[in-house]
């Protein structure tokens, strides 16, 4: 009995997949070897990680400020358009 065309293509795809995964493993190993040979001074690594931490902290603080400004503007627009939750009637002093 011979294989069907779909069985042959399945076998061929399996071979391609295996070749690609071995090639991917090769590149991972090659990159790991190159990174091992690369010598980075510890103070430089510490400085880079500290700067990355401050950058992330700055982004977090900036996002909090932006959210606060947007919510304040939204509430101000609601107040100016008199779309508050409760109708106050004549409670506003003139």
PDB file of N, CA and C in Angstrom:
ATOM      1  N   UNK A   1       0.832  -1.198   0.000  1.00  0.00           N
ATOM      2  CA  UNK A   1       0.000   0.000   0.000  1.00  0.00           C
ATOM      3  C   UNK A   1       0.867   1.249   0.000  1.00  0.00           C
ATOM      4  N   UNK A   2       0.515   2.184  -0.798  1.00  0.00           N
ATOM      5  CA  UNK A   2       1.279   3.418  -0.822  1.00  0.00           C
ATOM      6  C   UNK A   2       0.571   4.487  -0.003  1.00  0.00           C
ATOM      7  N   UNK A   3       1.348   5.441   0.356  1.00  0.00           N
ATOM      8  CA  UNK A   3       0.772   6.542   1.139  1.00  0.00           C
ATOM      9  C   UNK A   3      -0.025   7.478   0.252  1.00  0.00           C
ATOM     10  N   UNK A   4      -0.958   8.173   0.873  1.00  0.00           N
ATOM     11  CA  UNK A   4      -1.722   9.171   0.127  1.00  0.00           C
ATOM     12  C   UNK A   4      -0.896  10.441   0.003  1.00  0.00           C
ATOM     13  N   UNK A   5      -1.373  11.353  -0.831  1.00  0.00           N
ATOM     14  CA  UNK A   5      -0.648  12.613  -1.036  1.00  0.00           C
ATOM     15  C   UNK A   5      -0.606  13.420   0.250  1.00  0.00           C
ATOM     16  N   UNK A   6      -1.712  13.390   1.020  1.00  0.00           N
ATOM     17  CA  UNK A   6      -1.710  14.176   2.252  1.00  0.00           C
ATOM     18  C   UNK A   6      -0.726  13.581   3.259  1.00  0.00           C
ATOM     19  N   UNK A   7      -0.586  12.240   3.268  1.00  0.00           N
ATOM     20  CA  UNK A   7       0.388  11.618   4.181  1.00  0.00           C
ATOM     21  C   UNK A   7       1.805  12.006   3.818  1.00  0.00           C
ATOM     22  N   UNK A   8       2.093  12.057   2.516  1.00  0.00           N
ATOM     23  CA  UNK A   8       3.436  12.456   2.074  1.00  0.00           C
ATOM     24  C   UNK A   8       3.716  13.902   2.476  1.00  0.00           C
ATOM     25  N   UNK A   9       2.734  14.764   2.274  1.00  0.00           N
ATOM     26  CA  UNK A   9       2.956  16.174   2.620  1.00  0.00           C
ATOM     27  C   UNK A   9       3.113  16.334   4.129  1.00  0.00           C
ATOM     28  N   UNK A  10       2.396  15.477   4.901  1.00  0.00           N
ATOM     29  CA  UNK A  10       2.544  15.546   6.351  1.00  0.00           C
ATOM     30  C   UNK A  10       3.955  15.159   6.775  1.00  0.00           C
ATOM     31  N   UNK A  11       4.495  14.123   6.150  1.00  0.00           N
ATOM     32  CA  UNK A  11       5.860  13.695   6.452  1.00  0.00           C
ATOM     33  C   UNK A  11       6.838  14.784   6.056  1.00  0.00           C
ATOM     34  N   UNK A  12       6.620  15.378   4.885  1.00  0.00           N
ATOM     35  CA  UNK A  12       7.519  16.437   4.409  1.00  0.00           C
ATOM     36  C   UNK A  12       7.477  17.639   5.360  1.00  0.00           C
ATOM     37  N   UNK A  13       6.261  18.017   5.804  1.00  0.00           N
ATOM     38  CA  UNK A  13       6.147  19.143   6.735  1.00  0.00           C
ATOM     39  C   UNK A  13       6.835  18.826   8.061  1.00  0.00           C
ATOM     40  N   UNK A  14       6.739  17.590   8.499  1.00  0.00           N
ATOM     41  CA  UNK A  14       7.432  17.196   9.722  1.00  0.00           C
ATOM     42  C   UNK A  14       8.932  17.364   9.590  1.00  0.00           C
ATOM     43  N   UNK A  15       9.459  16.999   8.432  1.00  0.00           N
ATOM     44  CA  UNK A  15      10.908  17.165   8.207  1.00  0.00           C
ATOM     45  C   UNK A  15      11.294  18.648   8.216  1.00  0.00           C
ATOM     46  N   UNK A  16      10.475  19.457   7.548  1.00  0.00           N
ATOM     47  CA  UNK A  16      10.752  20.896   7.535  1.00  0.00           C
ATOM     48  C   UNK A  16      10.716  21.465   8.951  1.00  0.00           C
ATOM     49  N   UNK A  17       9.704  21.062   9.707  1.00  0.00           N
ATOM     50  CA  UNK A  17       9.555  21.570  11.070  1.00  0.00           C
ATOM     51  C   UNK A  17      10.754  21.167  11.923  1.00  0.00           C
ATOM     52  N   UNK A  18      11.172  19.905  11.784  1.00  0.00           N
ATOM     53  CA  UNK A  18      12.329  19.436  12.561  1.00  0.00           C
ATOM     54  C   UNK A  18      13.587  20.216  12.189  1.00  0.00           C
ATOM     55  N   UNK A  19      13.770  20.461  10.877  1.00  0.00           N
ATOM     56  CA  UNK A  19      14.940  21.213  10.430  1.00  0.00           C
ATOM     57  C   UNK A  19      14.909  22.635  10.971  1.00  0.00           C
ATOM     58  N   UNK A  20      13.728  23.240  10.957  1.00  0.00           N
ATOM     59  CA  UNK A  20      13.626  24.614  11.457  1.00  0.00           C
ATOM     60  C   UNK A  20      13.876  24.682  12.955  1.00  0.00           C
ATOM     61  N   UNK A  21      13.366  23.708  13.708  1.00  0.00           N
ATOM     62  CA  UNK A  21      13.581  23.746  15.155  1.00  0.00           C
ATOM     63  C   UNK A  21      15.049  23.516  15.486  1.00  0.00           C
ATOM     64  N   UNK A  22      15.720  22.609  14.735  1.00  0.00           N
ATOM     65  CA  UNK A  22      17.150  22.413  15.013  1.00  0.00           C
ATOM     66  C   UNK A  22      17.931  23.669  14.653  1.00  0.00           C
ATOM     67  N   UNK A  23      17.517  24.343  13.571  1.00  0.00           N
ATOM     68  CA  UNK A  23      18.192  25.590  13.203  1.00  0.00           C
ATOM     69  C   UNK A  23      17.960  26.646  14.283  1.00  0.00           C
ATOM     70  N   UNK A  24      16.740  26.718  14.809  1.00  0.00           N
ATOM     71  CA  UNK A  24      16.439  27.667  15.882  1.00  0.00           C
ATOM     72  C   UNK A  24      17.239  27.363  17.129  1.00  0.00           C
ATOM     73  N   UNK A  25      17.386  26.077  17.452  1.00  0.00           N
ATOM     74  CA  UNK A  25      18.205  25.698  18.607  1.00  0.00           C
ATOM     75  C   UNK A  25      19.655  26.098  18.375  1.00  0.00           C
ATOM     76  N   UNK A  26      20.134  25.943  17.125  1.00  0.00           N
ATOM     77  CA  UNK A  26      21.505  26.324  16.818  1.00  0.00           C
ATOM     78  C   UNK A  26      21.719  27.807  17.063  1.00  0.00           C
ATOM     79  N   UNK A  27      20.780  28.641  16.599  1.00  0.00           N
ATOM     80  CA  UNK A  27      20.950  30.077  16.773  1.00  0.00           C
ATOM     81  C   UNK A  27      20.865  30.484  18.240  1.00  0.00           C
ATOM     82  N   UNK A  28      20.021  29.797  19.008  1.00  0.00           N
ATOM     83  CA  UNK A  28      19.964  30.081  20.447  1.00  0.00           C
ATOM     84  C   UNK A  28      21.288  29.753  21.108  1.00  0.00           C
ATOM     85  N   UNK A  29      21.865  28.593  20.737  1.00  0.00           N
ATOM     86  CA  UNK A  29      23.147  28.191  21.315  1.00  0.00           C
ATOM     87  C   UNK A  29      24.253  29.160  20.897  1.00  0.00           C
ATOM     88  N   UNK A  30      24.246  29.575  19.631  1.00  0.00           N
ATOM     89  CA  UNK A  30      25.240  30.514  19.132  1.00  0.00           C
ATOM     90  C   UNK A  30      25.155  31.844  19.873  1.00  0.00           C
ATOM     91  N   UNK A  31      23.930  32.334  20.084  1.00  0.00           N
ATOM     92  CA  UNK A  31      23.734  33.589  20.805  1.00  0.00           C
ATOM     93  C   UNK A  31      24.186  33.462  22.254  1.00  0.00           C
ATOM     94  N   UNK A  32      23.885  32.338  22.883  1.00  0.00           N
ATOM     95  CA  UNK A  32      24.306  32.129  24.265  1.00  0.00           C
ATOM     96  C   UNK A  32      25.825  32.111  24.370  1.00  0.00           C
ATOM     97  N   UNK A  33      26.483  31.484  23.391  1.00  0.00           N
ATOM     98  CA  UNK A  33      27.957  31.470  23.412  1.00  0.00           C
ATOM     99  C   UNK A  33      28.521  32.871  23.266  1.00  0.00           C
ATOM    100  N   UNK A  34      27.965  33.648  22.347  1.00  0.00           N
ATOM    101  CA  UNK A  34      28.461  35.016  22.145  1.00  0.00           C
ATOM    102  C   UNK A  34      28.225  35.876  23.387  1.00  0.00           C
ATOM    103  N   UNK A  35      27.066  35.702  24.032  1.00  0.00           N
ATOM    104  CA  UNK A  35      26.791  36.481  25.239  1.00  0.00           C
ATOM    105  C   UNK A  35      27.705  36.078  26.382  1.00  0.00           C
ATOM    106  N   UNK A  36      28.082  34.815  26.428  1.00  0.00           N
ATOM    107  CA  UNK A  36      28.996  34.375  27.478  1.00  0.00           C
ATOM    108  C   UNK A  36      30.374  34.999  27.302  1.00  0.00           C
ATOM    109  N   UNK A  37      30.796  35.143  26.024  1.00  0.00           N
ATOM    110  CA  UNK A  37      32.118  35.741  25.776  1.00  0.00           C
ATOM    111  C   UNK A  37      32.117  37.246  26.027  1.00  0.00           C
ATOM    112  N   UNK A  38      30.967  37.863  25.881  1.00  0.00           N
ATOM    113  CA  UNK A  38      30.860  39.309  26.063  1.00  0.00           C
ATOM    114  C   UNK A  38      31.012  39.637  27.544  1.00  0.00           C
ATOM    115  N   UNK A  39      31.970  40.448  27.858  1.00  0.00           N
ATOM    116  CA  UNK A  39      32.216  40.821  29.254  1.00  0.00           C
ATOM    117  C   UNK A  39      31.701  42.233  29.489  1.00  0.00           C
ATOM    118  N   UNK A  40      30.718  42.361  30.340  1.00  0.00           N
ATOM    119  CA  UNK A  40      30.157  43.670  30.680  1.00  0.00           C
ATOM    120  C   UNK A  40      30.535  43.963  32.118  1.00  0.00           C
ATOM    121  N   UNK A  41      31.142  45.130  32.389  1.00  0.00           N
ATOM    122  CA  UNK A  41      31.503  45.458  33.769  1.00  0.00           C
ATOM    123  C   UNK A  41      30.266  45.567  34.664  1.00  0.00           C
ATOM    124  N   UNK A  42      30.407  45.109  35.889  1.00  0.00           N
ATOM    125  CA  UNK A  42      29.278  45.112  36.828  1.00  0.00           C
ATOM    126  C   UNK A  42      28.733  46.513  37.097  1.00  0.00           C
ATOM    127  N   UNK A  43      29.590  47.541  37.292  1.00  0.00           N
ATOM    128  CA  UNK A  43      29.023  48.881  37.520  1.00  0.00           C
ATOM    129  C   UNK A  43      28.171  49.374  36.347  1.00  0.00           C
ATOM    130  N   UNK A  44      28.586  49.020  35.132  1.00  0.00           N
ATOM    131  CA  UNK A  44      27.804  49.440  33.966  1.00  0.00           C
ATOM    132  C   UNK A  44      26.448  48.731  33.940  1.00  0.00           C
ATOM    133  N   UNK A  45      26.444  47.462  34.298  1.00  0.00           N
ATOM    134  CA  UNK A  45      25.195  46.706  34.372  1.00  0.00           C
ATOM    135  C   UNK A  45      24.286  47.263  35.456  1.00  0.00           C
ATOM    136  N   UNK A  46      24.876  47.619  36.603  1.00  0.00           N
ATOM    137  CA  UNK A  46      24.110  48.195  37.708  1.00  0.00           C
ATOM    138  C   UNK A  46      23.518  49.546  37.307  1.00  0.00           C
ATOM    139  N   UNK A  47      24.316  50.352  36.630  1.00  0.00           N
ATOM    140  CA  UNK A  47      23.836  51.659  36.170  1.00  0.00           C
ATOM    141  C   UNK A  47      22.684  51.505  35.173  1.00  0.00           C
ATOM    142  N   UNK A  48      22.822  50.574  34.244  1.00  0.00           N
ATOM    143  CA  UNK A  48      21.777  50.366  33.244  1.00  0.00           C
ATOM    144  C   UNK A  48      20.483  49.884  33.895  1.00  0.00           C
ATOM    145  N   UNK A  49      20.596  48.978  34.844  1.00  0.00           N
ATOM    146  CA  UNK A  49      19.375  48.480  35.499  1.00  0.00           C
ATOM    147  C   UNK A  49      18.730  49.561  36.358  1.00  0.00           C
ATOM    148  N   UNK A  50      19.547  50.405  36.999  1.00  0.00           N
ATOM    149  CA  UNK A  50      19.006  51.506  37.794  1.00  0.00           C
ATOM    150  C   UNK A  50      18.288  52.516  36.909  1.00  0.00           C
ATOM    151  N   UNK A  51      18.883  52.839  35.772  1.00  0.00           N
ATOM    152  CA  UNK A  51      18.243  53.773  34.845  1.00  0.00           C
ATOM    153  C   UNK A  51      16.940  53.197  34.294  1.00  0.00           C
ATOM    154  N   UNK A  52      16.931  51.891  34.011  1.00  0.00           N
ATOM    155  CA  UNK A  52      15.703  51.255  33.527  1.00  0.00           C
ATOM    156  C   UNK A  52      14.621  51.311  34.609  1.00  0.00           C
ATOM    157  N   UNK A  53      15.007  51.107  35.867  1.00  0.00           N
ATOM    158  CA  UNK A  53      14.047  51.188  36.961  1.00  0.00           C
ATOM    159  C   UNK A  53      13.467  52.578  37.121  1.00  0.00           C
ATOM    160  N   UNK A  54      14.323  53.593  37.041  1.00  0.00           N
ATOM    161  CA  UNK A  54      13.840  54.973  37.141  1.00  0.00           C
ATOM    162  C   UNK A  54      12.941  55.329  35.962  1.00  0.00           C
ATOM    163  N   UNK A  55      13.277  54.819  34.792  1.00  0.00           N
ATOM    164  CA  UNK A  55      12.448  55.070  33.609  1.00  0.00           C
ATOM    165  C   UNK A  55      11.055  54.468  33.795  1.00  0.00           C
ATOM    166  N   UNK A  56      10.992  53.237  34.291  1.00  0.00           N
ATOM    167  CA  UNK A  56       9.701  52.591  34.522  1.00  0.00           C
ATOM    168  C   UNK A  56       8.904  53.328  35.601  1.00  0.00           C
ATOM    169  N   UNK A  57       9.588  53.770  36.648  1.00  0.00           N
ATOM    170  CA  UNK A  57       8.919  54.525  37.702  1.00  0.00           C
ATOM    171  C   UNK A  57       8.376  55.852  37.160  1.00  0.00           C
ATOM    172  N   UNK A  58       9.155  56.507  36.318  1.00  0.00           N
ATOM    173  CA  UNK A  58       8.707  57.754  35.701  1.00  0.00           C
ATOM    174  C   UNK A  58       7.491  57.546  34.825  1.00  0.00           C
ATOM    175  N   UNK A  59       7.488  56.447  34.052  1.00  0.00           N
ATOM    176  CA  UNK A  59       6.319  56.146  33.223  1.00  0.00           C
ATOM    177  C   UNK A  59       5.085  55.889  34.077  1.00  0.00           C
ATOM    178  N   UNK A  60       5.266  55.190  35.177  1.00  0.00           N
ATOM    179  CA  UNK A  60       4.142  54.919  36.071  1.00  0.00           C
ATOM    180  C   UNK A  60       3.582  56.215  36.651  1.00  0.00           C
ATOM    181  N   UNK A  61       4.474  57.098  37.119  1.00  0.00           N
ATOM    182  CA  UNK A  61       4.021  58.373  37.686  1.00  0.00           C
ATOM    183  C   UNK A  61       3.341  59.230  36.620  1.00  0.00           C
ATOM    184  N   UNK A  62       3.886  59.223  35.413  1.00  0.00           N
ATOM    185  CA  UNK A  62       3.297  59.997  34.333  1.00  0.00           C
ATOM    186  C   UNK A  62       1.898  59.483  33.988  1.00  0.00           C
ATOM    187  N   UNK A  63       1.723  58.181  33.991  1.00  0.00           N
ATOM    188  CA  UNK A  63       0.397  57.635  33.685  1.00  0.00           C
ATOM    189  C   UNK A  63      -0.614  58.015  34.764  1.00  0.00           C
ATOM    190  N   UNK A  64      -0.178  58.046  36.033  1.00  0.00           N
ATOM    191  CA  UNK A  64      -1.079  58.451  37.117  1.00  0.00           C
ATOM    192  C   UNK A  64      -1.496  59.909  36.942  1.00  0.00           C
ATOM    193  N   UNK A  65      -0.537  60.758  36.588  1.00  0.00           N
ATOM    194  CA  UNK A  65      -0.834  62.179  36.393  1.00  0.00           C
ATOM    195  C   UNK A  65      -1.783  62.366  35.214  1.00  0.00           C
ATOM    196  N   UNK A  66      -1.557  61.648  34.130  1.00  0.00           N
ATOM    197  CA  UNK A  66      -2.415  61.785  32.949  1.00  0.00           C
ATOM    198  C   UNK A  66      -3.836  61.336  33.273  1.00  0.00           C
ATOM    199  N   UNK A  67      -3.979  60.230  33.988  1.00  0.00           N
ATOM    200  CA  UNK A  67      -5.314  59.755  34.375  1.00  0.00           C
ATOM    201  C   UNK A  67      -6.007  60.787  35.267  1.00  0.00           C
ATOM    202  N   UNK A  68      -5.257  61.385  36.192  1.00  0.00           N
ATOM    203  CA  UNK A  68      -5.825  62.396  37.086  1.00  0.00           C
ATOM    204  C   UNK A  68      -6.290  63.620  36.309  1.00  0.00           C
ATOM    205  N   UNK A  69      -5.487  64.083  35.369  1.00  0.00           N
ATOM    206  CA  UNK A  69      -5.850  65.263  34.569  1.00  0.00           C
ATOM    207  C   UNK A  69      -7.086  64.971  33.728  1.00  0.00           C
ATOM    208  N   UNK A  70      -7.127  63.813  33.106  1.00  0.00           N
ATOM    209  CA  UNK A  70      -8.278  63.472  32.264  1.00  0.00           C
ATOM    210  C   UNK A  70      -9.555  63.376  33.094  1.00  0.00           C
ATOM    211  N   UNK A  71      -9.468  62.736  34.260  1.00  0.00           N
ATOM    212  CA  UNK A  71     -10.674  62.615  35.094  1.00  0.00           C
ATOM    213  C   UNK A  71     -11.113  63.979  35.624  1.00  0.00           C
ATOM    214  N   UNK A  72     -10.160  64.866  35.941  1.00  0.00           N
ATOM    215  CA  UNK A  72     -10.519  66.206  36.400  1.00  0.00           C
ATOM    216  C   UNK A  72     -11.211  66.991  35.298  1.00  0.00           C
ATOM    217  N   UNK A  73     -10.688  66.899  34.079  1.00  0.00           N
ATOM    218  CA  UNK A  73     -11.332  67.588  32.959  1.00  0.00           C
ATOM    219  C   UNK A  73     -12.726  67.036  32.691  1.00  0.00           C
ATOM    220  N   UNK A  74     -12.874  65.731  32.816  1.00  0.00           N
ATOM    221  CA  UNK A  74     -14.180  65.119  32.614  1.00  0.00           C
ATOM    222  C   UNK A  74     -15.182  65.612  33.660  1.00  0.00           C
ATOM    223  N   UNK A  75     -14.766  65.654  34.922  1.00  0.00           N
ATOM    224  CA  UNK A  75     -15.661  66.131  35.972  1.00  0.00           C
ATOM    225  C   UNK A  75     -15.985  67.610  35.809  1.00  0.00           C
ATOM    226  N   UNK A  76     -15.000  68.400  35.369  1.00  0.00           N
ATOM    227  CA  UNK A  76     -15.234  69.818  35.136  1.00  0.00           C
ATOM    228  C   UNK A  76     -16.244  70.035  34.015  1.00  0.00           C
ATOM    229  N   UNK A  77     -16.128  69.260  32.952  1.00  0.00           N
ATOM    230  CA  UNK A  77     -17.095  69.370  31.857  1.00  0.00           C
ATOM    231  C   UNK A  77     -18.491  68.981  32.321  1.00  0.00           C
ATOM    232  N   UNK A  78     -18.591  67.956  33.144  1.00  0.00           N
ATOM    233  CA  UNK A  78     -19.907  67.558  33.668  1.00  0.00           C
ATOM    234  C   UNK A  78     -20.510  68.679  34.521  1.00  0.00           C
ATOM    235  N   UNK A  79     -19.636  69.340  35.307  1.00  0.00           N
ATOM    236  CA  UNK A  79     -20.139  70.407  36.166  1.00  0.00           C
ATOM    237  C   UNK A  79     -20.580  71.609  35.329  1.00  0.00           C
ATOM    238  N   UNK A  80     -19.794  71.916  34.287  1.00  0.00           N
ATOM    239  CA  UNK A  80     -20.148  73.055  33.445  1.00  0.00           C
ATOM    240  C   UNK A  80     -21.422  72.788  32.654  1.00  0.00           C
ATOM    241  N   UNK A  81     -21.652  71.569  32.272  1.00  0.00           N
ATOM    242  CA  UNK A  81     -22.856  71.224  31.512  1.00  0.00           C
ATOM    243  C   UNK A  81     -24.023  70.850  32.422  1.00  0.00           C
ATOM    244  N   UNK A  82     -23.803  70.959  33.701  1.00  0.00           N
ATOM    245  CA  UNK A  82     -24.817  70.650  34.726  1.00  0.00           C
ATOM    246  C   UNK A  82     -25.398  69.247  34.556  1.00  0.00           C
ATOM    247  N   UNK A  83     -24.476  68.286  34.386  1.00  0.00           N
ATOM    248  CA  UNK A  83     -24.890  66.899  34.243  1.00  0.00           C
ATOM    249  C   UNK A  83     -24.525  66.099  35.483  1.00  0.00           C
ATOM    250  N   UNK A  84     -24.596  66.743  36.634  1.00  0.00           N
ATOM    251  CA  UNK A  84     -24.252  66.062  37.880  1.00  0.00           C
ATOM    252  C   UNK A  84     -25.217  64.948  38.195  1.00  0.00           C
ATOM    253  N   UNK A  85     -24.877  64.135  39.153  1.00  0.00           N
ATOM    254  CA  UNK A  85     -25.727  62.999  39.533  1.00  0.00           C
ATOM    255  C   UNK A  85     -27.017  63.458  40.204  1.00  0.00           C
ATOM    256  N   UNK A  86     -26.911  64.471  41.045  1.00  0.00           N
ATOM    257  CA  UNK A  86     -28.078  64.913  41.806  1.00  0.00           C
ATOM    258  C   UNK A  86     -28.466  66.325  41.376  1.00  0.00           C
ATOM    259  N   UNK A  87     -29.739  66.515  41.151  1.00  0.00           N
ATOM    260  CA  UNK A  87     -30.218  67.857  40.830  1.00  0.00           C
ATOM    261  C   UNK A  87     -30.317  68.644  42.142  1.00  0.00           C
ATOM    262  N   UNK A  88     -29.564  69.739  42.215  1.00  0.00           N
ATOM    263  CA  UNK A  88     -29.474  70.467  43.486  1.00  0.00           C
ATOM    264  C   UNK A  88     -30.529  71.556  43.611  1.00  0.00           C
ATOM    265  N   UNK A  89     -31.213  71.872  42.586  1.00  0.00           N
ATOM    266  CA  UNK A  89     -32.247  72.902  42.650  1.00  0.00           C
ATOM    267  C   UNK A  89     -31.671  74.275  42.907  1.00  0.00           C
ATOM    268  N   UNK A  90     -32.147  74.975  43.977  1.00  0.00           N
ATOM    269  CA  UNK A  90     -31.677  76.324  44.272  1.00  0.00           C
ATOM    270  C   UNK A  90     -30.580  76.325  45.331  1.00  0.00           C
ATOM    271  N   UNK A  91     -29.840  75.241  45.465  1.00  0.00           N
ATOM    272  CA  UNK A  91     -28.805  75.179  46.488  1.00  0.00           C
ATOM    273  C   UNK A  91     -27.586  76.010  46.134  1.00  0.00           C
ATOM    274  N   UNK A  92     -27.464  76.409  44.853  1.00  0.00           N
ATOM    275  CA  UNK A  92     -26.308  77.190  44.433  1.00  0.00           C
ATOM    276  C   UNK A  92     -26.503  78.643  44.851  1.00  0.00           C
ATOM    277  N   UNK A  93     -25.522  79.186  45.560  1.00  0.00           N
ATOM    278  CA  UNK A  93     -25.607  80.578  46.010  1.00  0.00           C
ATOM    279  C   UNK A  93     -25.322  81.501  44.826  1.00  0.00           C
ATOM    280  N   UNK A  94     -26.077  82.588  44.753  1.00  0.00           N
ATOM    281  CA  UNK A  94     -25.871  83.526  43.648  1.00  0.00           C
ATOM    282  C   UNK A  94     -25.257  84.792  44.112  1.00  0.00           C
TER     283      UNK A  94
END
